[in-house]
Amino acid sequence: KMLAVGKAKKPGKRGRKPAKIDLKAKLERSRQSARECRARKKLRYQ
């Protein structure tokens, strides 16, 4: 039984489960990141 328990596979994917992120918050973070990227690009070109 102990050998069987040690060899048993866990159901599902390995690693961390993705947290359920609010889609609007994720979209806003992406927009903010894009704004910051454009600002850095503008400074670099200047």
PDB file of all heavy atoms in Angstrom:
ATOM      1  N   LYS A   1       0.834  -1.203   0.000  1.00  0.00           N
ATOM      2  CA  LYS A   1       0.000   0.000   0.000  1.00  0.00           C
ATOM      3  C   LYS A   1       0.872   1.256   0.000  1.00  0.00           C
ATOM      4  O   LYS A   1       0.579   2.216  -0.681  1.00  0.00           O
ATOM      5  CB  LYS A   1      -0.931   0.018   1.218  1.00  0.00           C
ATOM      6  CG  LYS A   1      -2.077  -0.934   1.100  1.00  0.00           C
ATOM      7  CD  LYS A   1      -2.966  -0.828   2.313  1.00  0.00           C
ATOM      8  CE  LYS A   1      -4.087  -1.845   2.257  1.00  0.00           C
ATOM      9  NZ  LYS A   1      -4.924  -1.798   3.450  1.00  0.00           N
ATOM     10  N   MET A   2       1.955   1.223   0.786  1.00  0.00           N
ATOM     11  CA  MET A   2       2.845   2.383   0.851  1.00  0.00           C
ATOM     12  C   MET A   2       3.534   2.606  -0.490  1.00  0.00           C
ATOM     13  O   MET A   2       3.666   3.740  -0.947  1.00  0.00           O
ATOM     14  CB  MET A   2       3.900   2.198   1.947  1.00  0.00           C
ATOM     15  CG  MET A   2       3.308   2.293   3.341  1.00  0.00           C
ATOM     16  SD  MET A   2       4.543   2.038   4.581  1.00  0.00           S
ATOM     17  CE  MET A   2       5.268   3.624   4.621  1.00  0.00           C
ATOM     18  N   LEU A   3       3.946   1.533  -1.142  1.00  0.00           N
ATOM     19  CA  LEU A   3       4.554   1.657  -2.448  1.00  0.00           C
ATOM     20  C   LEU A   3       3.554   2.190  -3.455  1.00  0.00           C
ATOM     21  O   LEU A   3       3.868   3.010  -4.292  1.00  0.00           O
ATOM     22  CB  LEU A   3       5.110   0.306  -2.924  1.00  0.00           C
ATOM     23  CG  LEU A   3       6.355  -0.199  -2.183  1.00  0.00           C
ATOM     24  CD1 LEU A   3       6.706  -1.596  -2.676  1.00  0.00           C
ATOM     25  CD2 LEU A   3       7.519   0.735  -2.405  1.00  0.00           C
ATOM     26  N   ALA A   4       2.356   1.728  -3.356  1.00  0.00           N
ATOM     27  CA  ALA A   4       1.316   2.165  -4.278  1.00  0.00           C
ATOM     28  C   ALA A   4       1.004   3.645  -4.060  1.00  0.00           C
ATOM     29  O   ALA A   4       0.764   4.386  -5.004  1.00  0.00           O
ATOM     30  CB  ALA A   4       0.068   1.315  -4.104  1.00  0.00           C
ATOM     31  N   VAL A   5       0.990   4.054  -2.811  1.00  0.00           N
ATOM     32  CA  VAL A   5       0.702   5.446  -2.501  1.00  0.00           C
ATOM     33  C   VAL A   5       1.834   6.339  -3.013  1.00  0.00           C
ATOM     34  O   VAL A   5       1.604   7.393  -3.579  1.00  0.00           O
ATOM     35  CB  VAL A   5       0.496   5.647  -0.979  1.00  0.00           C
ATOM     36  CG1 VAL A   5       0.407   7.123  -0.634  1.00  0.00           C
ATOM     37  CG2 VAL A   5      -0.720   4.916  -0.519  1.00  0.00           C
ATOM     38  N   GLY A   6       3.076   5.941  -2.857  1.00  0.00           N
ATOM     39  CA  GLY A   6       4.218   6.724  -3.306  1.00  0.00           C
ATOM     40  C   GLY A   6       4.257   6.872  -4.806  1.00  0.00           C
ATOM     41  O   GLY A   6       4.695   7.864  -5.344  1.00  0.00           O
ATOM     42  N   LYS A   7       3.781   5.881  -5.544  1.00  0.00           N
ATOM     43  CA  LYS A   7       3.810   5.899  -6.992  1.00  0.00           C
ATOM     44  C   LYS A   7       2.569   6.519  -7.612  1.00  0.00           C
ATOM     45  O   LYS A   7       2.529   6.762  -8.791  1.00  0.00           O
ATOM     46  CB  LYS A   7       3.989   4.484  -7.541  1.00  0.00           C
ATOM     47  CG  LYS A   7       5.344   3.902  -7.246  1.00  0.00           C
ATOM     48  CD  LYS A   7       5.461   2.525  -7.834  1.00  0.00           C
ATOM     49  CE  LYS A   7       6.817   1.912  -7.540  1.00  0.00           C
ATOM     50  NZ  LYS A   7       6.944   0.580  -8.091  1.00  0.00           N
ATOM     51  N   ALA A   8       1.572   6.758  -6.820  1.00  0.00           N
ATOM     52  CA  ALA A   8       0.311   7.258  -7.355  1.00  0.00           C
ATOM     53  C   ALA A   8       0.500   8.668  -7.896  1.00  0.00           C
ATOM     54  O   ALA A   8       1.169   9.495  -7.290  1.00  0.00           O
ATOM     55  CB  ALA A   8      -0.763   7.256  -6.286  1.00  0.00           C
ATOM     56  N   LYS A   9      -0.081   8.943  -9.055  1.00  0.00           N
ATOM     57  CA  LYS A   9       0.002  10.261  -9.683  1.00  0.00           C
ATOM     58  C   LYS A   9      -1.120  11.136  -9.151  1.00  0.00           C
ATOM     59  O   LYS A   9      -2.226  10.675  -8.906  1.00  0.00           O
ATOM     60  CB  LYS A   9      -0.111  10.141 -11.195  1.00  0.00           C
ATOM     61  CG  LYS A   9       1.056   9.451 -11.824  1.00  0.00           C
ATOM     62  CD  LYS A   9       0.926   9.458 -13.326  1.00  0.00           C
ATOM     63  CE  LYS A   9       2.127   8.810 -13.957  1.00  0.00           C
ATOM     64  NZ  LYS A   9       2.022   8.799 -15.420  1.00  0.00           N
ATOM     65  N   LYS A  10      -0.777  12.418  -9.035  1.00  0.00           N
ATOM     66  CA  LYS A  10      -1.779  13.370  -8.591  1.00  0.00           C
ATOM     67  C   LYS A  10      -2.604  13.785  -9.791  1.00  0.00           C
ATOM     68  O   LYS A  10      -2.079  13.999 -10.867  1.00  0.00           O
ATOM     69  CB  LYS A  10      -1.113  14.593  -7.962  1.00  0.00           C
ATOM     70  CG  LYS A  10      -0.316  14.269  -6.721  1.00  0.00           C
ATOM     71  CD  LYS A  10       0.329  15.513  -6.172  1.00  0.00           C
ATOM     72  CE  LYS A  10       1.198  15.164  -4.981  1.00  0.00           C
ATOM     73  NZ  LYS A  10       1.891  16.317  -4.464  1.00  0.00           N
ATOM     74  N   PRO A  11      -3.870  13.911  -9.616  1.00  0.00           N
ATOM     75  CA  PRO A  11      -4.705  14.328 -10.745  1.00  0.00           C
ATOM     76  C   PRO A  11      -4.480  15.800 -11.062  1.00  0.00           C
ATOM     77  O   PRO A  11      -4.165  16.597 -10.191  1.00  0.00           O
ATOM     78  CB  PRO A  11      -6.135  14.086 -10.242  1.00  0.00           C
ATOM     79  CG  PRO A  11      -6.023  14.145  -8.765  1.00  0.00           C
ATOM     80  CD  PRO A  11      -4.645  13.639  -8.421  1.00  0.00           C
ATOM     81  N   GLY A  12      -4.604  16.161 -12.331  1.00  0.00           N
ATOM     82  CA  GLY A  12      -4.491  17.561 -12.747  1.00  0.00           C
ATOM     83  C   GLY A  12      -3.082  17.928 -13.156  1.00  0.00           C
ATOM     84  O   GLY A  12      -2.203  17.089 -13.287  1.00  0.00           O
ATOM     85  N   LYS A  13      -2.865  19.237 -13.346  1.00  0.00           N
ATOM     86  CA  LYS A  13      -1.579  19.754 -13.812  1.00  0.00           C
ATOM     87  C   LYS A  13      -0.612  19.926 -12.658  1.00  0.00           C
ATOM     88  O   LYS A  13      -1.002  20.091 -11.515  1.00  0.00           O
ATOM     89  CB  LYS A  13      -1.773  21.106 -14.517  1.00  0.00           C
ATOM     90  CG  LYS A  13      -2.597  21.019 -15.768  1.00  0.00           C
ATOM     91  CD  LYS A  13      -2.723  22.374 -16.394  1.00  0.00           C
ATOM     92  CE  LYS A  13      -3.580  22.315 -17.655  1.00  0.00           C
ATOM     93  NZ  LYS A  13      -3.747  23.624 -18.252  1.00  0.00           N
ATOM     94  N   ARG A  14       0.667  19.949 -13.014  1.00  0.00           N
ATOM     95  CA  ARG A  14       1.697  20.154 -12.011  1.00  0.00           C
ATOM     96  C   ARG A  14       1.877  21.649 -11.774  1.00  0.00           C
ATOM     97  O   ARG A  14       1.599  22.468 -12.642  1.00  0.00           O
ATOM     98  CB  ARG A  14       3.020  19.569 -12.510  1.00  0.00           C
ATOM     99  CG  ARG A  14       2.941  18.076 -12.740  1.00  0.00           C
ATOM    100  CD  ARG A  14       4.174  17.565 -13.413  1.00  0.00           C
ATOM    101  NE  ARG A  14       5.341  17.672 -12.533  1.00  0.00           N
ATOM    102  CZ  ARG A  14       6.567  17.388 -12.889  1.00  0.00           C
ATOM    103  NH1 ARG A  14       6.819  17.016 -14.118  1.00  0.00           N
ATOM    104  NH2 ARG A  14       7.557  17.480 -12.039  1.00  0.00           N
ATOM    105  N   GLY A  15       2.420  22.017 -10.621  1.00  0.00           N
ATOM    106  CA  GLY A  15       2.738  23.412 -10.356  1.00  0.00           C
ATOM    107  C   GLY A  15       1.570  24.183  -9.780  1.00  0.00           C
ATOM    108  O   GLY A  15       0.563  23.622  -9.353  1.00  0.00           O
ATOM    109  N   ARG A  16       1.743  25.494  -9.814  1.00  0.00           N
ATOM    110  CA  ARG A  16       0.741  26.382  -9.246  1.00  0.00           C
ATOM    111  C   ARG A  16      -0.493  26.455 -10.123  1.00  0.00           C
ATOM    112  O   ARG A  16      -0.382  26.528 -11.343  1.00  0.00           O
ATOM    113  CB  ARG A  16       1.335  27.781  -9.130  1.00  0.00           C
ATOM    114  CG  ARG A  16       1.198  28.381  -7.769  1.00  0.00           C
ATOM    115  CD  ARG A  16       1.981  29.650  -7.662  1.00  0.00           C
ATOM    116  NE  ARG A  16       1.168  30.764  -8.129  1.00  0.00           N
ATOM    117  CZ  ARG A  16       1.604  31.991  -8.255  1.00  0.00           C
ATOM    118  NH1 ARG A  16       2.855  32.260  -8.006  1.00  0.00           N
ATOM    119  NH2 ARG A  16       0.820  32.951  -8.648  1.00  0.00           N
ATOM    120  N   LYS A  17      -1.614  26.505  -9.500  1.00  0.00           N
ATOM    121  CA  LYS A  17      -2.842  26.686 -10.260  1.00  0.00           C
ATOM    122  C   LYS A  17      -2.991  28.167 -10.569  1.00  0.00           C
ATOM    123  O   LYS A  17      -2.691  29.011  -9.734  1.00  0.00           O
ATOM    124  CB  LYS A  17      -4.050  26.220  -9.446  1.00  0.00           C
ATOM    125  CG  LYS A  17      -4.087  24.727  -9.227  1.00  0.00           C
ATOM    126  CD  LYS A  17      -5.331  24.347  -8.467  1.00  0.00           C
ATOM    127  CE  LYS A  17      -5.368  22.852  -8.222  1.00  0.00           C
ATOM    128  NZ  LYS A  17      -6.541  22.453  -7.442  1.00  0.00           N
ATOM    129  N   PRO A  18      -3.402  28.493 -11.763  1.00  0.00           N
ATOM    130  CA  PRO A  18      -3.586  29.903 -12.089  1.00  0.00           C
ATOM    131  C   PRO A  18      -4.694  30.518 -11.251  1.00  0.00           C
ATOM    132  O   PRO A  18      -5.771  29.952 -11.131  1.00  0.00           O
ATOM    133  CB  PRO A  18      -3.933  29.896 -13.574  1.00  0.00           C
ATOM    134  CG  PRO A  18      -4.406  28.526 -13.864  1.00  0.00           C
ATOM    135  CD  PRO A  18      -3.763  27.619 -12.852  1.00  0.00           C
ATOM    136  N   ALA A  19      -4.369  31.655 -10.673  1.00  0.00           N
ATOM    137  CA  ALA A  19      -5.366  32.355  -9.866  1.00  0.00           C
ATOM    138  C   ALA A  19      -6.400  32.957 -10.799  1.00  0.00           C
ATOM    139  O   ALA A  19      -6.098  33.384 -11.906  1.00  0.00           O
ATOM    140  CB  ALA A  19      -4.697  33.442  -9.041  1.00  0.00           C
ATOM    141  N   LYS A  20      -7.595  33.006 -10.329  1.00  0.00           N
ATOM    142  CA  LYS A  20      -8.654  33.593 -11.143  1.00  0.00           C
ATOM    143  C   LYS A  20      -8.543  35.108 -11.022  1.00  0.00           C
ATOM    144  O   LYS A  20      -8.889  35.705 -10.025  1.00  0.00           O
ATOM    145  CB  LYS A  20     -10.016  33.098 -10.679  1.00  0.00           C
ATOM    146  CG  LYS A  20     -10.207  31.624 -10.939  1.00  0.00           C
ATOM    147  CD  LYS A  20     -11.605  31.180 -10.653  1.00  0.00           C
ATOM    148  CE  LYS A  20     -11.740  29.703 -10.971  1.00  0.00           C
ATOM    149  NZ  LYS A  20     -13.084  29.216 -10.760  1.00  0.00           N
ATOM    150  N   ILE A  21      -7.987  35.731 -12.062  1.00  0.00           N
ATOM    151  CA  ILE A  21      -7.757  37.168 -12.075  1.00  0.00           C
ATOM    152  C   ILE A  21      -8.927  37.827 -12.784  1.00  0.00           C
ATOM    153  O   ILE A  21      -9.395  37.349 -13.820  1.00  0.00           O
ATOM    154  CB  ILE A  21      -6.445  37.502 -12.804  1.00  0.00           C
ATOM    155  CG1 ILE A  21      -5.273  36.835 -12.096  1.00  0.00           C
ATOM    156  CG2 ILE A  21      -6.228  39.002 -12.884  1.00  0.00           C
ATOM    157  CD1 ILE A  21      -3.968  36.949 -12.849  1.00  0.00           C
ATOM    158  N   ASP A  22      -9.347  38.912 -12.212  1.00  0.00           N
ATOM    159  CA  ASP A  22     -10.423  39.670 -12.827  1.00  0.00           C
ATOM    160  C   ASP A  22      -9.940  40.140 -14.199  1.00  0.00           C
ATOM    161  O   ASP A  22      -8.867  40.711 -14.336  1.00  0.00           O
ATOM    162  CB  ASP A  22     -10.767  40.861 -11.934  1.00  0.00           C
ATOM    163  CG  ASP A  22     -11.976  41.623 -12.441  1.00  0.00           C
ATOM    164  OD1 ASP A  22     -12.755  41.046 -13.228  1.00  0.00           O
ATOM    165  OD2 ASP A  22     -12.123  42.796 -12.061  1.00  0.00           O
ATOM    166  N   LEU A  23     -10.703  39.870 -15.222  1.00  0.00           N
ATOM    167  CA  LEU A  23     -10.314  40.179 -16.590  1.00  0.00           C
ATOM    168  C   LEU A  23     -10.111  41.680 -16.788  1.00  0.00           C
ATOM    169  O   LEU A  23      -9.169  42.095 -17.465  1.00  0.00           O
ATOM    170  CB  LEU A  23     -11.374  39.656 -17.566  1.00  0.00           C
ATOM    171  CG  LEU A  23     -10.999  39.658 -19.030  1.00  0.00           C
ATOM    172  CD1 LEU A  23      -9.731  38.836 -19.250  1.00  0.00           C
ATOM    173  CD2 LEU A  23     -12.129  39.146 -19.883  1.00  0.00           C
ATOM    174  N   LYS A  24     -10.927  42.502 -16.160  1.00  0.00           N
ATOM    175  CA  LYS A  24     -10.788  43.948 -16.300  1.00  0.00           C
ATOM    176  C   LYS A  24      -9.486  44.437 -15.660  1.00  0.00           C
ATOM    177  O   LYS A  24      -8.806  45.298 -16.219  1.00  0.00           O
ATOM    178  CB  LYS A  24     -11.983  44.672 -15.677  1.00  0.00           C
ATOM    179  CG  LYS A  24     -13.261  44.507 -16.466  1.00  0.00           C
ATOM    180  CD  LYS A  24     -14.391  45.289 -15.848  1.00  0.00           C
ATOM    181  CE  LYS A  24     -15.660  45.114 -16.655  1.00  0.00           C
ATOM    182  NZ  LYS A  24     -16.776  45.865 -16.064  1.00  0.00           N
ATOM    183  N   ALA A  25      -9.151  43.881 -14.515  1.00  0.00           N
ATOM    184  CA  ALA A  25      -7.907  44.282 -13.836  1.00  0.00           C
ATOM    185  C   ALA A  25      -6.699  43.880 -14.678  1.00  0.00           C
ATOM    186  O   ALA A  25      -5.727  44.638 -14.799  1.00  0.00           O
ATOM    187  CB  ALA A  25      -7.828  43.653 -12.455  1.00  0.00           C
ATOM    188  N   LYS A  26      -6.761  42.707 -15.266  1.00  0.00           N
ATOM    189  CA  LYS A  26      -5.661  42.239 -16.109  1.00  0.00           C
ATOM    190  C   LYS A  26      -5.505  43.149 -17.333  1.00  0.00           C
ATOM    191  O   LYS A  26      -4.396  43.520 -17.717  1.00  0.00           O
ATOM    192  CB  LYS A  26      -5.924  40.801 -16.540  1.00  0.00           C
ATOM    193  CG  LYS A  26      -4.812  40.183 -17.336  1.00  0.00           C
ATOM    194  CD  LYS A  26      -5.103  38.733 -17.661  1.00  0.00           C
ATOM    195  CE  LYS A  26      -3.976  38.110 -18.459  1.00  0.00           C
ATOM    196  NZ  LYS A  26      -4.255  36.715 -18.798  1.00  0.00           N
ATOM    197  N   LEU A  27      -6.630  43.513 -17.939  1.00  0.00           N
ATOM    198  CA  LEU A  27      -6.604  44.395 -19.096  1.00  0.00           C
ATOM    199  C   LEU A  27      -6.053  45.768 -18.729  1.00  0.00           C
ATOM    200  O   LEU A  27      -5.245  46.350 -19.471  1.00  0.00           O
ATOM    201  CB  LEU A  27      -8.020  44.513 -19.674  1.00  0.00           C
ATOM    202  CG  LEU A  27      -8.169  45.208 -21.008  1.00  0.00           C
ATOM    203  CD1 LEU A  27      -7.373  44.461 -22.075  1.00  0.00           C
ATOM    204  CD2 LEU A  27      -9.629  45.281 -21.409  1.00  0.00           C
ATOM    205  N   GLU A  28      -6.429  46.293 -17.567  1.00  0.00           N
ATOM    206  CA  GLU A  28      -5.930  47.597 -17.125  1.00  0.00           C
ATOM    207  C   GLU A  28      -4.427  47.536 -16.853  1.00  0.00           C
ATOM    208  O   GLU A  28      -3.694  48.466 -17.187  1.00  0.00           O
ATOM    209  CB  GLU A  28      -6.674  48.058 -15.861  1.00  0.00           C
ATOM    210  CG  GLU A  28      -6.270  49.432 -15.366  1.00  0.00           C
ATOM    211  CD  GLU A  28      -6.424  50.527 -16.413  1.00  0.00           C
ATOM    212  OE1 GLU A  28      -7.367  50.482 -17.227  1.00  0.00           O
ATOM    213  OE2 GLU A  28      -5.575  51.445 -16.422  1.00  0.00           O
ATOM    214  N   ARG A  29      -3.953  46.452 -16.254  1.00  0.00           N
ATOM    215  CA  ARG A  29      -2.511  46.294 -16.028  1.00  0.00           C
ATOM    216  C   ARG A  29      -1.753  46.269 -17.344  1.00  0.00           C
ATOM    217  O   ARG A  29      -0.686  46.862 -17.485  1.00  0.00           O
ATOM    218  CB  ARG A  29      -2.239  44.992 -15.260  1.00  0.00           C
ATOM    219  CG  ARG A  29      -2.034  45.202 -13.795  1.00  0.00           C
ATOM    220  CD  ARG A  29      -1.319  44.063 -13.094  1.00  0.00           C
ATOM    221  NE  ARG A  29      -1.246  42.793 -13.756  1.00  0.00           N
ATOM    222  CZ  ARG A  29      -1.984  41.721 -13.475  1.00  0.00           C
ATOM    223  NH1 ARG A  29      -2.917  41.795 -12.526  1.00  0.00           N
ATOM    224  NH2 ARG A  29      -1.822  40.590 -14.111  1.00  0.00           N
ATOM    225  N   SER A  30      -2.324  45.597 -18.323  1.00  0.00           N
ATOM    226  CA  SER A  30      -1.694  45.533 -19.643  1.00  0.00           C
ATOM    227  C   SER A  30      -1.643  46.913 -20.283  1.00  0.00           C
ATOM    228  O   SER A  30      -0.622  47.298 -20.865  1.00  0.00           O
ATOM    229  CB  SER A  30      -2.475  44.561 -20.534  1.00  0.00           C
ATOM    230  OG  SER A  30      -1.963  44.560 -21.827  1.00  0.00           O
ATOM    231  N   ARG A  31      -2.704  47.673 -20.164  1.00  0.00           N
ATOM    232  CA  ARG A  31      -2.731  49.033 -20.713  1.00  0.00           C
ATOM    233  C   ARG A  31      -1.700  49.927 -20.027  1.00  0.00           C
ATOM    234  O   ARG A  31      -1.016  50.706 -20.677  1.00  0.00           O
ATOM    235  CB  ARG A  31      -4.132  49.636 -20.557  1.00  0.00           C
ATOM    236  CG  ARG A  31      -5.149  49.035 -21.486  1.00  0.00           C
ATOM    237  CD  ARG A  31      -6.514  49.626 -21.257  1.00  0.00           C
ATOM    238  NE  ARG A  31      -7.483  49.034 -22.151  1.00  0.00           N
ATOM    239  CZ  ARG A  31      -8.776  48.972 -21.906  1.00  0.00           C
ATOM    240  NH1 ARG A  31      -9.262  49.489 -20.786  1.00  0.00           N
ATOM    241  NH2 ARG A  31      -9.605  48.416 -22.761  1.00  0.00           N
ATOM    242  N   GLN A  32      -1.620  49.806 -18.696  1.00  0.00           N
ATOM    243  CA  GLN A  32      -0.656  50.610 -17.942  1.00  0.00           C
ATOM    244  C   GLN A  32       0.770  50.253 -18.353  1.00  0.00           C
ATOM    245  O   GLN A  32       1.607  51.126 -18.543  1.00  0.00           O
ATOM    246  CB  GLN A  32      -0.851  50.385 -16.431  1.00  0.00           C
ATOM    247  CG  GLN A  32       0.100  51.183 -15.560  1.00  0.00           C
ATOM    248  CD  GLN A  32      -0.089  52.678 -15.705  1.00  0.00           C
ATOM    249  OE1 GLN A  32      -1.180  53.163 -15.976  1.00  0.00           O
ATOM    250  NE2 GLN A  32       0.993  53.416 -15.536  1.00  0.00           N
ATOM    251  N   SER A  33       1.034  48.982 -18.525  1.00  0.00           N
ATOM    252  CA  SER A  33       2.361  48.541 -18.955  1.00  0.00           C
ATOM    253  C   SER A  33       2.689  49.092 -20.337  1.00  0.00           C
ATOM    254  O   SER A  33       3.815  49.535 -20.592  1.00  0.00           O
ATOM    255  CB  SER A  33       2.417  47.018 -18.964  1.00  0.00           C
ATOM    256  OG  SER A  33       3.641  46.569 -19.450  1.00  0.00           O
ATOM    257  N   ALA A  34       1.712  49.099 -21.236  1.00  0.00           N
ATOM    258  CA  ALA A  34       1.925  49.638 -22.581  1.00  0.00           C
ATOM    259  C   ALA A  34       2.201  51.138 -22.524  1.00  0.00           C
ATOM    260  O   ALA A  34       3.065  51.644 -23.246  1.00  0.00           O
ATOM    261  CB  ALA A  34       0.709  49.355 -23.451  1.00  0.00           C
ATOM    262  N   ARG A  35       1.490  51.869 -21.653  1.00  0.00           N
ATOM    263  CA  ARG A  35       1.732  53.310 -21.498  1.00  0.00           C
ATOM    264  C   ARG A  35       3.156  53.569 -21.014  1.00  0.00           C
ATOM    265  O   ARG A  35       3.855  54.440 -21.537  1.00  0.00           O
ATOM    266  CB  ARG A  35       0.732  53.917 -20.507  1.00  0.00           C
ATOM    267  CG  ARG A  35      -0.615  54.277 -21.101  1.00  0.00           C
ATOM    268  CD  ARG A  35      -1.431  55.132 -20.141  1.00  0.00           C
ATOM    269  NE  ARG A  35      -1.908  54.371 -19.002  1.00  0.00           N
ATOM    270  CZ  ARG A  35      -3.076  53.715 -18.949  1.00  0.00           C
ATOM    271  NH1 ARG A  35      -3.892  53.753 -19.978  1.00  0.00           N
ATOM    272  NH2 ARG A  35      -3.425  53.056 -17.881  1.00  0.00           N
ATOM    273  N   GLU A  36       3.589  52.783 -20.016  1.00  0.00           N
ATOM    274  CA  GLU A  36       4.942  52.944 -19.490  1.00  0.00           C
ATOM    275  C   GLU A  36       5.987  52.619 -20.556  1.00  0.00           C
ATOM    276  O   GLU A  36       7.001  53.296 -20.667  1.00  0.00           O
ATOM    277  CB  GLU A  36       5.135  52.061 -18.265  1.00  0.00           C
ATOM    278  CG  GLU A  36       4.331  52.521 -17.061  1.00  0.00           C
ATOM    279  CD  GLU A  36       4.358  51.516 -15.920  1.00  0.00           C
ATOM    280  OE1 GLU A  36       5.023  50.464 -16.058  1.00  0.00           O
ATOM    281  OE2 GLU A  36       3.713  51.790 -14.894  1.00  0.00           O
ATOM    282  N   CYS A  37       5.734  51.606 -21.348  1.00  0.00           N
ATOM    283  CA  CYS A  37       6.651  51.224 -22.419  1.00  0.00           C
ATOM    284  C   CYS A  37       6.763  52.344 -23.447  1.00  0.00           C
ATOM    285  O   CYS A  37       7.867  52.680 -23.894  1.00  0.00           O
ATOM    286  CB  CYS A  37       6.167  49.936 -23.077  1.00  0.00           C
ATOM    287  SG  CYS A  37       7.223  49.356 -24.402  1.00  0.00           S
ATOM    288  N   ARG A  38       5.634  52.936 -23.830  1.00  0.00           N
ATOM    289  CA  ARG A  38       5.666  54.036 -24.799  1.00  0.00           C
ATOM    290  C   ARG A  38       6.409  55.244 -24.230  1.00  0.00           C
ATOM    291  O   ARG A  38       7.154  55.923 -24.939  1.00  0.00           O
ATOM    292  CB  ARG A  38       4.248  54.424 -25.215  1.00  0.00           C
ATOM    293  CG  ARG A  38       3.600  53.421 -26.169  1.00  0.00           C
ATOM    294  CD  ARG A  38       2.300  53.955 -26.731  1.00  0.00           C
ATOM    295  NE  ARG A  38       1.278  54.168 -25.724  1.00  0.00           N
ATOM    296  CZ  ARG A  38       0.398  53.252 -25.314  1.00  0.00           C
ATOM    297  NH1 ARG A  38       0.416  52.036 -25.841  1.00  0.00           N
ATOM    298  NH2 ARG A  38      -0.496  53.541 -24.399  1.00  0.00           N
ATOM    299  N   ALA A  39       6.228  55.512 -22.925  1.00  0.00           N
ATOM    300  CA  ALA A  39       6.929  56.642 -22.298  1.00  0.00           C
ATOM    301  C   ALA A  39       8.435  56.398 -22.294  1.00  0.00           C
ATOM    302  O   ALA A  39       9.219  57.314 -22.588  1.00  0.00           O
ATOM    303  CB  ALA A  39       6.423  56.848 -20.868  1.00  0.00           C
ATOM    304  N   ARG A  40       8.859  55.168 -21.981  1.00  0.00           N
ATOM    305  CA  ARG A  40      10.285  54.847 -22.003  1.00  0.00           C
ATOM    306  C   ARG A  40      10.844  54.975 -23.410  1.00  0.00           C
ATOM    307  O   ARG A  40      11.944  55.501 -23.613  1.00  0.00           O
ATOM    308  CB  ARG A  40      10.528  53.427 -21.491  1.00  0.00           C
ATOM    309  CG  ARG A  40      10.412  53.278 -19.991  1.00  0.00           C
ATOM    310  CD  ARG A  40      10.929  51.930 -19.535  1.00  0.00           C
ATOM    311  NE  ARG A  40      10.294  50.811 -20.185  1.00  0.00           N
ATOM    312  CZ  ARG A  40       9.211  50.173 -19.757  1.00  0.00           C
ATOM    313  NH1 ARG A  40       8.617  50.570 -18.635  1.00  0.00           N
ATOM    314  NH2 ARG A  40       8.716  49.146 -20.418  1.00  0.00           N
ATOM    315  N   LYS A  41      10.078  54.529 -24.391  1.00  0.00           N
ATOM    316  CA  LYS A  41      10.512  54.611 -25.791  1.00  0.00           C
ATOM    317  C   LYS A  41      10.666  56.071 -26.216  1.00  0.00           C
ATOM    318  O   LYS A  41      11.632  56.443 -26.872  1.00  0.00           O
ATOM    319  CB  LYS A  41       9.495  53.902 -26.682  1.00  0.00           C
ATOM    320  CG  LYS A  41       9.861  53.831 -28.137  1.00  0.00           C
ATOM    321  CD  LYS A  41       8.806  53.060 -28.906  1.00  0.00           C
ATOM    322  CE  LYS A  41       9.116  52.975 -30.368  1.00  0.00           C
ATOM    323  NZ  LYS A  41       8.079  52.249 -31.116  1.00  0.00           N
ATOM    324  N   LYS A  42       9.731  56.915 -25.801  1.00  0.00           N
ATOM    325  CA  LYS A  42       9.786  58.335 -26.147  1.00  0.00           C
ATOM    326  C   LYS A  42      11.031  58.983 -25.541  1.00  0.00           C
ATOM    327  O   LYS A  42      11.744  59.738 -26.218  1.00  0.00           O
ATOM    328  CB  LYS A  42       8.525  59.036 -25.637  1.00  0.00           C
ATOM    329  CG  LYS A  42       8.427  60.480 -26.015  1.00  0.00           C
ATOM    330  CD  LYS A  42       7.123  61.080 -25.509  1.00  0.00           C
ATOM    331  CE  LYS A  42       7.027  62.547 -25.841  1.00  0.00           C
ATOM    332  NZ  LYS A  42       5.785  63.142 -25.345  1.00  0.00           N
ATOM    333  N   LEU A  43      11.314  58.678 -24.273  1.00  0.00           N
ATOM    334  CA  LEU A  43      12.506  59.219 -23.629  1.00  0.00           C
ATOM    335  C   LEU A  43      13.777  58.742 -24.318  1.00  0.00           C
ATOM    336  O   LEU A  43      14.718  59.509 -24.507  1.00  0.00           O
ATOM    337  CB  LEU A  43      12.549  58.810 -22.152  1.00  0.00           C
ATOM    338  CG  LEU A  43      11.598  59.554 -21.225  1.00  0.00           C
ATOM    339  CD1 LEU A  43      11.630  58.938 -19.839  1.00  0.00           C
ATOM    340  CD2 LEU A  43      11.964  61.020 -21.157  1.00  0.00           C
ATOM    341  N   ARG A  44      13.792  57.473 -24.703  1.00  0.00           N
ATOM    342  CA  ARG A  44      14.972  56.921 -25.376  1.00  0.00           C
ATOM    343  C   ARG A  44      15.202  57.631 -26.702  1.00  0.00           C
ATOM    344  O   ARG A  44      16.325  58.001 -27.041  1.00  0.00           O
ATOM    345  CB  ARG A  44      14.798  55.416 -25.582  1.00  0.00           C
ATOM    346  CG  ARG A  44      15.999  54.721 -26.148  1.00  0.00           C
ATOM    347  CD  ARG A  44      15.890  53.206 -26.124  1.00  0.00           C
ATOM    348  NE  ARG A  44      14.681  52.692 -26.712  1.00  0.00           N
ATOM    349  CZ  ARG A  44      13.705  52.077 -26.050  1.00  0.00           C
ATOM    350  NH1 ARG A  44      13.792  51.901 -24.743  1.00  0.00           N
ATOM    351  NH2 ARG A  44      12.627  51.631 -26.673  1.00  0.00           N
ATOM    352  N   TYR A  45      14.134  57.865 -27.464  1.00  0.00           N
ATOM    353  CA  TYR A  45      14.273  58.563 -28.749  1.00  0.00           C
ATOM    354  C   TYR A  45      14.699  60.010 -28.553  1.00  0.00           C
ATOM    355  O   TYR A  45      15.500  60.537 -29.326  1.00  0.00           O
ATOM    356  CB  TYR A  45      12.974  58.477 -29.553  1.00  0.00           C
ATOM    357  CG  TYR A  45      12.897  57.233 -30.384  1.00  0.00           C
ATOM    358  CD1 TYR A  45      12.436  56.037 -29.845  1.00  0.00           C
ATOM    359  CD2 TYR A  45      13.318  57.227 -31.701  1.00  0.00           C
ATOM    360  CE1 TYR A  45      12.388  54.883 -30.595  1.00  0.00           C
ATOM    361  CE2 TYR A  45      13.275  56.081 -32.469  1.00  0.00           C
ATOM    362  CZ  TYR A  45      12.803  54.910 -31.909  1.00  0.00           C
ATOM    363  OH  TYR A  45      12.772  53.766 -32.664  1.00  0.00           O
ATOM    364  N   GLN A  46      14.186  60.688 -27.517  1.00  0.00           N
ATOM    365  CA  GLN A  46      14.606  62.058 -27.245  1.00  0.00           C
ATOM    366  C   GLN A  46      16.099  62.099 -26.931  1.00  0.00           C
ATOM    367  O   GLN A  46      16.823  62.966 -27.432  1.00  0.00           O
ATOM    368  CB  GLN A  46      13.826  62.634 -26.055  1.00  0.00           C
ATOM    369  CG  GLN A  46      12.404  63.010 -26.383  1.00  0.00           C
ATOM    370  CD  GLN A  46      11.638  63.467 -25.156  1.00  0.00           C
ATOM    371  OE1 GLN A  46      12.099  63.308 -24.034  1.00  0.00           O
ATOM    372  NE2 GLN A  46      10.456  64.020 -25.369  1.00  0.00           N
TER     373      GLN A  46
END
